[in-house]
Each structure stands twice: as structure tokens, then as C-alpha cells.
PDB file of N, CA and C in Angstrom:
ATOM      1  N   UNK A   1       8.094   4.809 -11.613  1.00  0.00           N
ATOM      2  CA  UNK A   1       9.213   5.488 -12.248  1.00  0.00           C
ATOM      3  C   UNK A   1      10.260   5.864 -11.212  1.00  0.00           C
ATOM      4  N   UNK A   2       9.798   6.288 -10.037  1.00  0.00           N
ATOM      5  CA  UNK A   2      10.737   6.663  -8.981  1.00  0.00           C
ATOM      6  C   UNK A   2      11.603   5.478  -8.581  1.00  0.00           C
ATOM      7  N   UNK A   3      10.964   4.328  -8.409  1.00  0.00           N
ATOM      8  CA  UNK A   3      11.708   3.133  -8.010  1.00  0.00           C
ATOM      9  C   UNK A   3      12.751   2.772  -9.050  1.00  0.00           C
ATOM     10  N   UNK A   4      12.364   2.742 -10.323  1.00  0.00           N
ATOM     11  CA  UNK A   4      13.290   2.354 -11.388  1.00  0.00           C
ATOM     12  C   UNK A   4      14.412   3.375 -11.551  1.00  0.00           C
ATOM     13  N   UNK A   5      14.087   4.633 -11.411  1.00  0.00           N
ATOM     14  CA  UNK A   5      15.106   5.676 -11.495  1.00  0.00           C
ATOM     15  C   UNK A   5      16.116   5.520 -10.356  1.00  0.00           C
ATOM     16  N   UNK A   6      15.618   5.264  -9.160  1.00  0.00           N
ATOM     17  CA  UNK A   6      16.510   5.077  -8.006  1.00  0.00           C
ATOM     18  C   UNK A   6      17.433   3.892  -8.224  1.00  0.00           C
ATOM     19  N   UNK A   7      16.893   2.808  -8.751  1.00  0.00           N
ATOM     20  CA  UNK A   7      17.707   1.620  -9.016  1.00  0.00           C
ATOM     21  C   UNK A   7      18.792   1.942 -10.045  1.00  0.00           C
ATOM     22  N   UNK A   8      18.430   2.655 -11.113  1.00  0.00           N
ATOM     23  CA  UNK A   8      19.407   2.943 -12.162  1.00  0.00           C
ATOM     24  C   UNK A   8      20.539   3.850 -11.668  1.00  0.00           C
ATOM     25  N   UNK A   9      20.245   4.695 -10.660  1.00  0.00           N
ATOM     26  CA  UNK A   9      21.282   5.559 -10.104  1.00  0.00           C
ATOM     27  C   UNK A   9      21.980   4.939  -8.896  1.00  0.00           C
ATOM     28  N   UNK A  10      21.564   3.739  -8.497  1.00  0.00           N
ATOM     29  CA  UNK A  10      22.203   3.040  -7.392  1.00  0.00           C
ATOM     30  C   UNK A  10      21.778   3.502  -6.014  1.00  0.00           C
ATOM     31  N   UNK A  11      20.600   4.128  -5.908  1.00  0.00           N
ATOM     32  CA  UNK A  11      20.096   4.567  -4.609  1.00  0.00           C
ATOM     33  C   UNK A  11      19.290   3.450  -3.966  1.00  0.00           C
ATOM     34  N   UNK A  12      19.432   3.315  -2.650  1.00  0.00           N
ATOM     35  CA  UNK A  12      18.678   2.323  -1.889  1.00  0.00           C
ATOM     36  C   UNK A  12      17.399   2.991  -1.403  1.00  0.00           C
ATOM     37  N   UNK A  13      16.366   2.955  -2.224  1.00  0.00           N
ATOM     38  CA  UNK A  13      15.130   3.679  -1.956  1.00  0.00           C
ATOM     39  C   UNK A  13      14.131   2.823  -1.198  1.00  0.00           C
ATOM     40  N   UNK A  14      13.603   3.368  -0.116  1.00  0.00           N
ATOM     41  CA  UNK A  14      12.494   2.769   0.613  1.00  0.00           C
ATOM     42  C   UNK A  14      11.284   3.638   0.302  1.00  0.00           C
ATOM     43  N   UNK A  15      10.331   3.108  -0.463  1.00  0.00           N
ATOM     44  CA  UNK A  15       9.182   3.906  -0.888  1.00  0.00           C
ATOM     45  C   UNK A  15       8.346   4.414   0.281  1.00  0.00           C
ATOM     46  N   UNK A  16       8.480   3.797   1.432  1.00  0.00           N
ATOM     47  CA  UNK A  16       7.729   4.254   2.594  1.00  0.00           C
ATOM     48  C   UNK A  16       8.118   5.674   2.986  1.00  0.00           C
ATOM     49  N   UNK A  17       9.286   6.126   2.542  1.00  0.00           N
ATOM     50  CA  UNK A  17       9.721   7.487   2.857  1.00  0.00           C
ATOM     51  C   UNK A  17       8.780   8.530   2.264  1.00  0.00           C
ATOM     52  N   UNK A  18       8.066   8.173   1.194  1.00  0.00           N
ATOM     53  CA  UNK A  18       7.141   9.114   0.567  1.00  0.00           C
ATOM     54  C   UNK A  18       6.047   9.527   1.550  1.00  0.00           C
ATOM     55  N   UNK A  19       5.618   8.600   2.385  1.00  0.00           N
ATOM     56  CA  UNK A  19       4.564   8.894   3.346  1.00  0.00           C
ATOM     57  C   UNK A  19       5.039   9.156   4.752  1.00  0.00           C
ATOM     58  N   UNK A  20       6.324   8.944   5.014  1.00  0.00           N
ATOM     59  CA  UNK A  20       6.841   9.104   6.371  1.00  0.00           C
ATOM     60  C   UNK A  20       8.164   9.862   6.336  1.00  0.00           C
ATOM     61  N   UNK A  21       8.138  11.174   6.639  1.00  0.00           N
ATOM     62  CA  UNK A  21       9.364  11.974   6.556  1.00  0.00           C
ATOM     63  C   UNK A  21      10.447  11.561   7.549  1.00  0.00           C
ATOM     64  N   UNK A  22      10.117  10.697   8.503  1.00  0.00           N
ATOM     65  CA  UNK A  22      11.130  10.231   9.456  1.00  0.00           C
ATOM     66  C   UNK A  22      12.073   9.211   8.820  1.00  0.00           C
ATOM     67  N   UNK A  23      11.668   8.633   7.699  1.00  0.00           N
ATOM     68  CA  UNK A  23      12.505   7.651   7.010  1.00  0.00           C
ATOM     69  C   UNK A  23      13.414   8.399   6.040  1.00  0.00           C
ATOM     70  N   UNK A  24      14.729   8.180   6.131  1.00  0.00           N
ATOM     71  CA  UNK A  24      15.650   8.866   5.207  1.00  0.00           C
ATOM     72  C   UNK A  24      15.338   8.520   3.758  1.00  0.00           C
ATOM     73  N   UNK A  25      15.438   9.497   2.872  1.00  0.00           N
ATOM     74  CA  UNK A  25      15.065   9.284   1.471  1.00  0.00           C
ATOM     75  C   UNK A  25      16.117   8.536   0.662  1.00  0.00           C
ATOM     76  N   UNK A  26      17.377   8.646   0.998  1.00  0.00           N
ATOM     77  CA  UNK A  26      18.488   8.039   0.248  1.00  0.00           C
ATOM     78  C   UNK A  26      18.656   8.663  -1.133  1.00  0.00           C
ATOM     79  N   UNK A  27      17.928   9.734  -1.410  1.00  0.00           N
ATOM     80  CA  UNK A  27      18.025  10.448  -2.686  1.00  0.00           C
ATOM     81  C   UNK A  27      18.587  11.837  -2.380  1.00  0.00           C
ATOM     82  N   UNK A  28      19.620  12.283  -3.088  1.00  0.00           N
ATOM     83  CA  UNK A  28      20.132  13.632  -2.841  1.00  0.00           C
ATOM     84  C   UNK A  28      19.014  14.679  -2.962  1.00  0.00           C
ATOM     85  N   UNK A  29      18.844  15.471  -1.922  1.00  0.00           N
ATOM     86  CA  UNK A  29      17.803  16.488  -1.912  1.00  0.00           C
ATOM     87  C   UNK A  29      16.407  15.934  -1.749  1.00  0.00           C
ATOM     88  N   UNK A  30      16.287  14.665  -1.436  1.00  0.00           N
ATOM     89  CA  UNK A  30      14.989  14.006  -1.355  1.00  0.00           C
ATOM     90  C   UNK A  30      14.029  14.644  -0.370  1.00  0.00           C
ATOM     91  N   UNK A  31      14.533  15.018   0.801  1.00  0.00           N
ATOM     92  CA  UNK A  31      13.649  15.640   1.789  1.00  0.00           C
ATOM     93  C   UNK A  31      13.131  16.982   1.296  1.00  0.00           C
ATOM     94  N   UNK A  32      13.977  17.745   0.635  1.00  0.00           N
ATOM     95  CA  UNK A  32      13.541  19.033   0.089  1.00  0.00           C
ATOM     96  C   UNK A  32      12.489  18.823  -1.002  1.00  0.00           C
ATOM     97  N   UNK A  33      12.680  17.809  -1.827  1.00  0.00           N
ATOM     98  CA  UNK A  33      11.701  17.513  -2.874  1.00  0.00           C
ATOM     99  C   UNK A  33      10.363  17.080  -2.279  1.00  0.00           C
ATOM    100  N   UNK A  34      10.420  16.243  -1.246  1.00  0.00           N
ATOM    101  CA  UNK A  34       9.181  15.817  -0.582  1.00  0.00           C
ATOM    102  C   UNK A  34       8.467  17.007   0.046  1.00  0.00           C
ATOM    103  N   UNK A  35       9.233  17.925   0.627  1.00  0.00           N
ATOM    104  CA  UNK A  35       8.621  19.124   1.217  1.00  0.00           C
ATOM    105  C   UNK A  35       7.898  19.946   0.154  1.00  0.00           C
ATOM    106  N   UNK A  36       8.513  20.097  -1.013  1.00  0.00           N
ATOM    107  CA  UNK A  36       7.885  20.860  -2.084  1.00  0.00           C
ATOM    108  C   UNK A  36       6.559  20.220  -2.498  1.00  0.00           C
ATOM    109  N   UNK A  37       6.554  18.910  -2.634  1.00  0.00           N
ATOM    110  CA  UNK A  37       5.324  18.209  -3.006  1.00  0.00           C
ATOM    111  C   UNK A  37       4.255  18.419  -1.943  1.00  0.00           C
ATOM    112  N   UNK A  38       4.628  18.269  -0.671  1.00  0.00           N
ATOM    113  CA  UNK A  38       3.653  18.454   0.409  1.00  0.00           C
ATOM    114  C   UNK A  38       3.075  19.863   0.409  1.00  0.00           C
ATOM    115  N   UNK A  39       3.919  20.859   0.192  1.00  0.00           N
ATOM    116  CA  UNK A  39       3.444  22.249   0.150  1.00  0.00           C
ATOM    117  C   UNK A  39       2.511  22.443  -1.045  1.00  0.00           C
ATOM    118  N   UNK A  40       2.935  21.953  -2.210  1.00  0.00           N
ATOM    119  CA  UNK A  40       2.140  22.140  -3.429  1.00  0.00           C
ATOM    120  C   UNK A  40       0.779  21.460  -3.342  1.00  0.00           C
ATOM    121  N   UNK A  41       0.718  20.341  -2.631  1.00  0.00           N
ATOM    122  CA  UNK A  41      -0.540  19.605  -2.501  1.00  0.00           C
ATOM    123  C   UNK A  41      -1.351  20.034  -1.285  1.00  0.00           C
ATOM    124  N   UNK A  42      -0.853  21.057  -0.578  1.00  0.00           N
ATOM    125  CA  UNK A  42      -1.587  21.568   0.569  1.00  0.00           C
ATOM    126  C   UNK A  42      -1.511  20.687   1.800  1.00  0.00           C
ATOM    127  N   UNK A  43      -0.494  19.838   1.882  1.00  0.00           N
ATOM    128  CA  UNK A  43      -0.336  18.943   3.024  1.00  0.00           C
ATOM    129  C   UNK A  43       0.669  19.468   4.037  1.00  0.00           C
ATOM    130  N   UNK A  44       1.122  20.705   3.843  1.00  0.00           N
ATOM    131  CA  UNK A  44       2.093  21.327   4.737  1.00  0.00           C
ATOM    132  C   UNK A  44       1.775  22.815   4.849  1.00  0.00           C
ATOM    133  N   UNK A  45       2.024  23.352   6.034  1.00  0.00           N
ATOM    134  CA  UNK A  45       1.831  24.784   6.254  1.00  0.00           C
ATOM    135  C   UNK A  45       3.101  25.576   5.956  1.00  0.00           C
ATOM    136  N   UNK A  46       4.160  24.876   5.574  1.00  0.00           N
ATOM    137  CA  UNK A  46       5.421  25.549   5.261  1.00  0.00           C
ATOM    138  C   UNK A  46       5.197  26.505   4.096  1.00  0.00           C
ATOM    139  N   UNK A  47       5.781  27.691   4.143  1.00  0.00           N
ATOM    140  CA  UNK A  47       5.651  28.613   3.004  1.00  0.00           C
ATOM    141  C   UNK A  47       6.290  28.029   1.738  1.00  0.00           C
ATOM    142  N   UNK A  48       5.641  28.236   0.611  1.00  0.00           N
ATOM    143  CA  UNK A  48       6.138  27.732  -0.664  1.00  0.00           C
ATOM    144  C   UNK A  48       7.548  28.249  -0.948  1.00  0.00           C
ATOM    145  N   UNK A  49       7.804  29.509  -0.653  1.00  0.00           N
ATOM    146  CA  UNK A  49       9.141  30.063  -0.908  1.00  0.00           C
ATOM    147  C   UNK A  49      10.218  29.342  -0.112  1.00  0.00           C
ATOM    148  N   UNK A  50       9.894  28.896   1.106  1.00  0.00           N
ATOM    149  CA  UNK A  50      10.861  28.143   1.907  1.00  0.00           C
ATOM    150  C   UNK A  50      11.166  26.791   1.262  1.00  0.00           C
ATOM    151  N   UNK A  51      10.114  26.125   0.783  1.00  0.00           N
ATOM    152  CA  UNK A  51      10.318  24.830   0.127  1.00  0.00           C
ATOM    153  C   UNK A  51      11.132  24.993  -1.153  1.00  0.00           C
ATOM    154  N   UNK A  52      10.845  26.043  -1.896  1.00  0.00           N
ATOM    155  CA  UNK A  52      11.597  26.305  -3.123  1.00  0.00           C
ATOM    156  C   UNK A  52      13.061  26.610  -2.810  1.00  0.00           C
ATOM    157  N   UNK A  53      13.291  27.425  -1.798  1.00  0.00           N
ATOM    158  CA  UNK A  53      14.656  27.802  -1.446  1.00  0.00           C
ATOM    159  C   UNK A  53      15.461  26.597  -0.964  1.00  0.00           C
ATOM    160  N   UNK A  54      14.810  25.682  -0.279  1.00  0.00           N
ATOM    161  CA  UNK A  54      15.504  24.474   0.188  1.00  0.00           C
ATOM    162  C   UNK A  54      16.014  23.651  -0.993  1.00  0.00           C
ATOM    163  N   UNK A  55      15.228  23.577  -2.051  1.00  0.00           N
ATOM    164  CA  UNK A  55      15.678  22.849  -3.241  1.00  0.00           C
ATOM    165  C   UNK A  55      16.828  23.585  -3.909  1.00  0.00           C
ATOM    166  N   UNK A  56      16.714  24.898  -4.020  1.00  0.00           N
ATOM    167  CA  UNK A  56      17.811  25.682  -4.605  1.00  0.00           C
ATOM    168  C   UNK A  56      19.086  25.495  -3.801  1.00  0.00           C
ATOM    169  N   UNK A  57      18.967  25.514  -2.475  1.00  0.00           N
ATOM    170  CA  UNK A  57      20.141  25.377  -1.605  1.00  0.00           C
ATOM    171  C   UNK A  57      20.794  24.005  -1.704  1.00  0.00           C
ATOM    172  N   UNK A  58      19.974  22.949  -1.870  1.00  0.00           N
ATOM    173  CA  UNK A  58      20.537  21.593  -1.874  1.00  0.00           C
ATOM    174  C   UNK A  58      20.864  21.067  -3.266  1.00  0.00           C
ATOM    175  N   UNK A  59      20.080  21.474  -4.266  1.00  0.00           N
ATOM    176  CA  UNK A  59      20.242  20.897  -5.601  1.00  0.00           C
ATOM    177  C   UNK A  59      20.498  21.914  -6.704  1.00  0.00           C
ATOM    178  N   UNK A  60      20.222  23.178  -6.428  1.00  0.00           N
ATOM    179  CA  UNK A  60      20.440  24.220  -7.423  1.00  0.00           C
ATOM    180  C   UNK A  60      19.148  24.682  -8.075  1.00  0.00           C
ATOM    181  N   UNK A  61      19.195  25.855  -8.708  1.00  0.00           N
ATOM    182  CA  UNK A  61      17.982  26.423  -9.300  1.00  0.00           C
ATOM    183  C   UNK A  61      17.408  25.593 -10.453  1.00  0.00           C
ATOM    184  N   UNK A  62      18.275  24.929 -11.210  1.00  0.00           N
ATOM    185  CA  UNK A  62      17.778  24.105 -12.313  1.00  0.00           C
ATOM    186  C   UNK A  62      16.920  22.962 -11.789  1.00  0.00           C
ATOM    187  N   UNK A  63      17.295  22.424 -10.648  1.00  0.00           N
ATOM    188  CA  UNK A  63      16.529  21.322 -10.051  1.00  0.00           C
ATOM    189  C   UNK A  63      15.147  21.791  -9.618  1.00  0.00           C
ATOM    190  N   UNK A  64      15.038  23.036  -9.162  1.00  0.00           N
ATOM    191  CA  UNK A  64      13.727  23.569  -8.789  1.00  0.00           C
ATOM    192  C   UNK A  64      12.819  23.629 -10.015  1.00  0.00           C
ATOM    193  N   UNK A  65      13.358  24.071 -11.132  1.00  0.00           N
ATOM    194  CA  UNK A  65      12.569  24.134 -12.371  1.00  0.00           C
ATOM    195  C   UNK A  65      12.133  22.722 -12.776  1.00  0.00           C
ATOM    196  N   UNK A  66      13.066  21.779 -12.726  1.00  0.00           N
ATOM    197  CA  UNK A  66      12.732  20.390 -13.080  1.00  0.00           C
ATOM    198  C   UNK A  66      11.681  19.820 -12.134  1.00  0.00           C
ATOM    199  N   UNK A  67      11.848  20.044 -10.838  1.00  0.00           N
ATOM    200  CA  UNK A  67      10.902  19.513  -9.842  1.00  0.00           C
ATOM    201  C   UNK A  67       9.513  20.098 -10.055  1.00  0.00           C
ATOM    202  N   UNK A  68       9.441  21.383 -10.319  1.00  0.00           N
ATOM    203  CA  UNK A  68       8.146  22.026 -10.551  1.00  0.00           C
ATOM    204  C   UNK A  68       7.482  21.474 -11.817  1.00  0.00           C
ATOM    205  N   UNK A  69       8.273  21.230 -12.846  1.00  0.00           N
ATOM    206  CA  UNK A  69       7.735  20.683 -14.092  1.00  0.00           C
ATOM    207  C   UNK A  69       7.207  19.264 -13.879  1.00  0.00           C
ATOM    208  N   UNK A  70       7.956  18.446 -13.174  1.00  0.00           N
ATOM    209  CA  UNK A  70       7.517  17.071 -12.902  1.00  0.00           C
ATOM    210  C   UNK A  70       6.263  17.075 -12.040  1.00  0.00           C
ATOM    211  N   UNK A  71       6.259  17.895 -11.007  1.00  0.00           N
ATOM    212  CA  UNK A  71       5.098  17.977 -10.130  1.00  0.00           C
ATOM    213  C   UNK A  71       3.863  18.420 -10.918  1.00  0.00           C
ATOM    214  N   UNK A  72       4.015  19.441 -11.725  1.00  0.00           N
ATOM    215  CA  UNK A  72       2.900  19.929 -12.526  1.00  0.00           C
ATOM    216  C   UNK A  72       2.397  18.893 -13.514  1.00  0.00           C
ATOM    217  N   UNK A  73       3.306  18.153 -14.129  1.00  0.00           N
ATOM    218  CA  UNK A  73       2.913  17.130 -15.093  1.00  0.00           C
ATOM    219  C   UNK A  73       2.126  16.005 -14.416  1.00  0.00           C
ATOM    220  N   UNK A  74       2.602  15.542 -13.277  1.00  0.00           N
ATOM    221  CA  UNK A  74       1.879  14.482 -12.572  1.00  0.00           C
ATOM    222  C   UNK A  74       0.510  14.972 -12.114  1.00  0.00           C
ATOM    223  N   UNK A  75       0.436  16.180 -11.634  1.00  0.00           N
ATOM    224  CA  UNK A  75      -0.850  16.726 -11.193  1.00  0.00           C
ATOM    225  C   UNK A  75      -1.803  16.822 -12.378  1.00  0.00           C
ATOM    226  N   UNK A  76      -1.303  17.266 -13.521  1.00  0.00           N
ATOM    227  CA  UNK A  76      -2.127  17.366 -14.719  1.00  0.00           C
ATOM    228  C   UNK A  76      -2.621  15.988 -15.150  1.00  0.00           C
ATOM    229  N   UNK A  77      -1.746  14.999 -15.163  1.00  0.00           N
ATOM    230  CA  UNK A  77      -2.150  13.655 -15.589  1.00  0.00           C
ATOM    231  C   UNK A  77      -3.234  13.092 -14.668  1.00  0.00           C
ATOM    232  N   UNK A  78      -3.085  13.314 -13.370  1.00  0.00           N
ATOM    233  CA  UNK A  78      -4.087  12.824 -12.425  1.00  0.00           C
ATOM    234  C   UNK A  78      -5.429  13.508 -12.642  1.00  0.00           C
ATOM    235  N   UNK A  79      -5.415  14.808 -12.857  1.00  0.00           N
ATOM    236  CA  UNK A  79      -6.673  15.540 -13.073  1.00  0.00           C
ATOM    237  C   UNK A  79      -7.360  15.108 -14.370  1.00  0.00           C
ATOM    238  N   UNK A  80      -6.597  14.904 -15.418  1.00  0.00           N
ATOM    239  CA  UNK A  80      -7.182  14.452 -16.682  1.00  0.00           C
ATOM    240  C   UNK A  80      -7.793  13.062 -16.499  1.00  0.00           C
ATOM    241  N   UNK A  81      -7.052  12.166 -15.854  1.00  0.00           N
ATOM    242  CA  UNK A  81      -7.560  10.809 -15.643  1.00  0.00           C
ATOM    243  C   UNK A  81      -8.832  10.820 -14.799  1.00  0.00           C
ATOM    244  N   UNK A  82      -8.822  11.575 -13.718  1.00  0.00           N
ATOM    245  CA  UNK A  82     -10.007  11.645 -12.859  1.00  0.00           C
ATOM    246  C   UNK A  82     -11.178  12.305 -13.581  1.00  0.00           C
ATOM    247  N   UNK A  83     -10.893  13.364 -14.299  1.00  0.00           N
ATOM    248  CA  UNK A  83     -11.948  14.113 -14.985  1.00  0.00           C
ATOM    249  C   UNK A  83     -12.615  13.337 -16.103  1.00  0.00           C
ATOM    250  N   UNK A  84     -11.875  12.430 -16.716  1.00  0.00           N
ATOM    251  CA  UNK A  84     -12.445  11.649 -17.812  1.00  0.00           C
ATOM    252  C   UNK A  84     -12.961  10.295 -17.343  1.00  0.00           C
ATOM    253  N   UNK A  85     -12.768   9.990 -16.060  1.00  0.00           N
ATOM    254  CA  UNK A  85     -13.283   8.733 -15.520  1.00  0.00           C
ATOM    255  C   UNK A  85     -12.478   7.515 -15.911  1.00  0.00           C
ATOM    256  N   UNK A  86     -11.199   7.700 -16.209  1.00  0.00           N
ATOM    257  CA  UNK A  86     -10.355   6.568 -16.593  1.00  0.00           C
ATOM    258  C   UNK A  86     -10.144   5.677 -15.365  1.00  0.00           C
ATOM    259  N   UNK A  87     -10.583   4.429 -15.442  1.00  0.00           N
ATOM    260  CA  UNK A  87     -10.378   3.527 -14.307  1.00  0.00           C
ATOM    261  C   UNK A  87      -8.940   2.992 -14.285  1.00  0.00           C
ATOM    262  N   UNK A  88      -8.494   2.624 -13.109  1.00  0.00           N
ATOM    263  CA  UNK A  88      -7.185   1.986 -12.986  1.00  0.00           C
ATOM    264  C   UNK A  88      -7.381   0.500 -13.263  1.00  0.00           C
ATOM    265  N   UNK A  89      -6.709  -0.044 -14.268  1.00  0.00           N
ATOM    266  CA  UNK A  89      -6.881  -1.466 -14.580  1.00  0.00           C
ATOM    267  C   UNK A  89      -6.426  -2.351 -13.417  1.00  0.00           C
ATOM    268  N   UNK A  90      -7.154  -3.430 -13.178  1.00  0.00           N
ATOM    269  CA  UNK A  90      -6.804  -4.361 -12.101  1.00  0.00           C
ATOM    270  C   UNK A  90      -5.385  -4.885 -12.277  1.00  0.00           C
ATOM    271  N   UNK A  91      -4.958  -5.096 -13.525  1.00  0.00           N
ATOM    272  CA  UNK A  91      -3.603  -5.567 -13.797  1.00  0.00           C
ATOM    273  C   UNK A  91      -2.571  -4.599 -13.217  1.00  0.00           C
ATOM    274  N   UNK A  92      -2.814  -3.305 -13.349  1.00  0.00           N
ATOM    275  CA  UNK A  92      -1.893  -2.305 -12.795  1.00  0.00           C
ATOM    276  C   UNK A  92      -1.905  -2.352 -11.273  1.00  0.00           C
ATOM    277  N   UNK A  93      -3.068  -2.497 -10.704  1.00  0.00           N
ATOM    278  CA  UNK A  93      -3.176  -2.583  -9.239  1.00  0.00           C
ATOM    279  C   UNK A  93      -2.433  -3.800  -8.736  1.00  0.00           C
ATOM    280  N   UNK A  94      -2.624  -4.945  -9.392  1.00  0.00           N
ATOM    281  CA  UNK A  94      -1.947  -6.178  -8.975  1.00  0.00           C
ATOM    282  C   UNK A  94      -0.433  -6.057  -9.122  1.00  0.00           C
ATOM    283  N   UNK A  95       0.007  -5.481 -10.250  1.00  0.00           N
ATOM    284  CA  UNK A  95       1.441  -5.349 -10.530  1.00  0.00           C
ATOM    285  C   UNK A  95       2.120  -4.435  -9.512  1.00  0.00           C
ATOM    286  N   UNK A  96       1.412  -3.427  -9.055  1.00  0.00           N
ATOM    287  CA  UNK A  96       1.989  -2.446  -8.141  1.00  0.00           C
ATOM    288  C   UNK A  96       1.524  -2.642  -6.694  1.00  0.00           C
ATOM    289  N   UNK A  97       1.037  -3.825  -6.357  1.00  0.00           N
ATOM    290  CA  UNK A  97       0.487  -4.063  -5.018  1.00  0.00           C
ATOM    291  C   UNK A  97       1.502  -3.805  -3.904  1.00  0.00           C
ATOM    292  N   UNK A  98       2.764  -4.114  -4.151  1.00  0.00           N
ATOM    293  CA  UNK A  98       3.790  -3.871  -3.138  1.00  0.00           C
ATOM    294  C   UNK A  98       3.940  -2.373  -2.862  1.00  0.00           C
ATOM    295  N   UNK A  99       3.936  -1.574  -3.910  1.00  0.00           N
ATOM    296  CA  UNK A  99       4.058  -0.127  -3.758  1.00  0.00           C
ATOM    297  C   UNK A  99       2.804   0.437  -3.099  1.00  0.00           C
ATOM    298  N   UNK A 100       1.640  -0.028  -3.534  1.00  0.00           N
ATOM    299  CA  UNK A 100       0.370   0.431  -2.951  1.00  0.00           C
ATOM    300  C   UNK A 100       0.356   0.166  -1.455  1.00  0.00           C
ATOM    301  N   UNK A 101       0.805  -1.015  -1.053  1.00  0.00           N
ATOM    302  CA  UNK A 101       0.842  -1.360   0.380  1.00  0.00           C
ATOM    303  C   UNK A 101       1.874  -0.515   1.120  1.00  0.00           C
ATOM    304  N   UNK A 102       3.058  -0.339   0.535  1.00  0.00           N
ATOM    305  CA  UNK A 102       4.115   0.432   1.202  1.00  0.00           C
ATOM    306  C   UNK A 102       3.707   1.874   1.433  1.00  0.00           C
ATOM    307  N   UNK A 103       2.919   2.430   0.520  1.00  0.00           N
ATOM    308  CA  UNK A 103       2.497   3.819   0.640  1.00  0.00           C
ATOM    309  C   UNK A 103       1.201   3.976   1.446  1.00  0.00           C
ATOM    310  N   UNK A 104       0.603   2.855   1.851  1.00  0.00           N
ATOM    311  CA  UNK A 104      -0.628   2.914   2.627  1.00  0.00           C
ATOM    312  C   UNK A 104      -1.836   3.379   1.809  1.00  0.00           C
ATOM    313  N   UNK A 105      -1.796   3.147   0.513  1.00  0.00           N
ATOM    314  CA  UNK A 105      -2.874   3.625  -0.356  1.00  0.00           C
ATOM    315  C   UNK A 105      -4.169   2.834  -0.198  1.00  0.00           C
ATOM    316  N   UNK A 106      -4.051   1.577   0.209  1.00  0.00           N
ATOM    317  CA  UNK A 106      -5.279   0.796   0.409  1.00  0.00           C
ATOM    318  C   UNK A 106      -6.131   1.384   1.501  1.00  0.00           C
ATOM    319  N   UNK A 107      -5.493   1.936   2.525  1.00  0.00           N
ATOM    320  CA  UNK A 107      -6.239   2.573   3.604  1.00  0.00           C
ATOM    321  C   UNK A 107      -7.030   3.776   3.080  1.00  0.00           C
ATOM    322  N   UNK A 108      -6.468   4.502   2.133  1.00  0.00           N
ATOM    323  CA  UNK A 108      -7.158   5.664   1.564  1.00  0.00           C
ATOM    324  C   UNK A 108      -8.353   5.226   0.714  1.00  0.00           C
ATOM    325  N   UNK A 109      -8.177   4.147  -0.021  1.00  0.00           N
ATOM    326  CA  UNK A 109      -9.248   3.664  -0.894  1.00  0.00           C
ATOM    327  C   UNK A 109     -10.415   3.141  -0.065  1.00  0.00           C
ATOM    328  N   UNK A 110     -10.098   2.411   0.998  1.00  0.00           N
ATOM    329  CA  UNK A 110     -11.132   1.798   1.828  1.00  0.00           C
ATOM    330  C   UNK A 110     -11.840   2.831   2.708  1.00  0.00           C
ATOM    331  N   UNK A 111     -11.201   3.988   2.903  1.00  0.00           N
ATOM    332  CA  UNK A 111     -11.799   5.061   3.687  1.00  0.00           C
ATOM    333  C   UNK A 111     -11.659   4.792   5.120  1.00  0.00           C
TER     334      UNK A 111
END
């Protein structure tokens, strides 16, 4: 969805930016959004209030509400899928192989 949304808005998105903060996001407020996700997922020691304030400063308070809602929805969907044992269809893995490779997800799966 991120890739298609970026294309529709004319952003030159490199998905590798999701895993590497040194790569520019090309999305307005993208770094602030990535910081919020990292904090929410426990991958950053940055205070949550700092991450929230960065989004307010760059995109406005409405964007913080939207970002929190999207983050919460994705987290909920992942927990439901994992909790019910829903497997990822091979067709989906094959279709998204470029994204999986760009994000380094195969390394996580292989351990």
C-alpha cells in the first residue's frame, strides 16, 4: 500500500528507507513517521512524546492522529493473523519478493 500510495502522489520512494534511516524517505514527514513506528515497536529509545511532537511539528496534529490510527490498525491485523495461525500464501510471497528482499525480511525469516 505504501508503494502504491507513493506512486499515486508522485513520490520517488525507495522501500529500503523503511529499514535504513540514512536513506531519504522522499515522503513529507517520512522520517518523523518512521521514528514514531520505531518508538511504538520498541526499536528506539527515543521518548514517545518526542516522536509525537516531531510529527505535529512537520505534518500537524491531524497527521499524528492518522499515523497513530494506521499504526494501531496494522499492529492489530498482524496480531490477529499471528494469533489465528493464518499462513502467508506463497503467491503473496512471490508477488512481493522484491519488497521482501528490499526490506531484508528473508534474513529475519531464515534467522
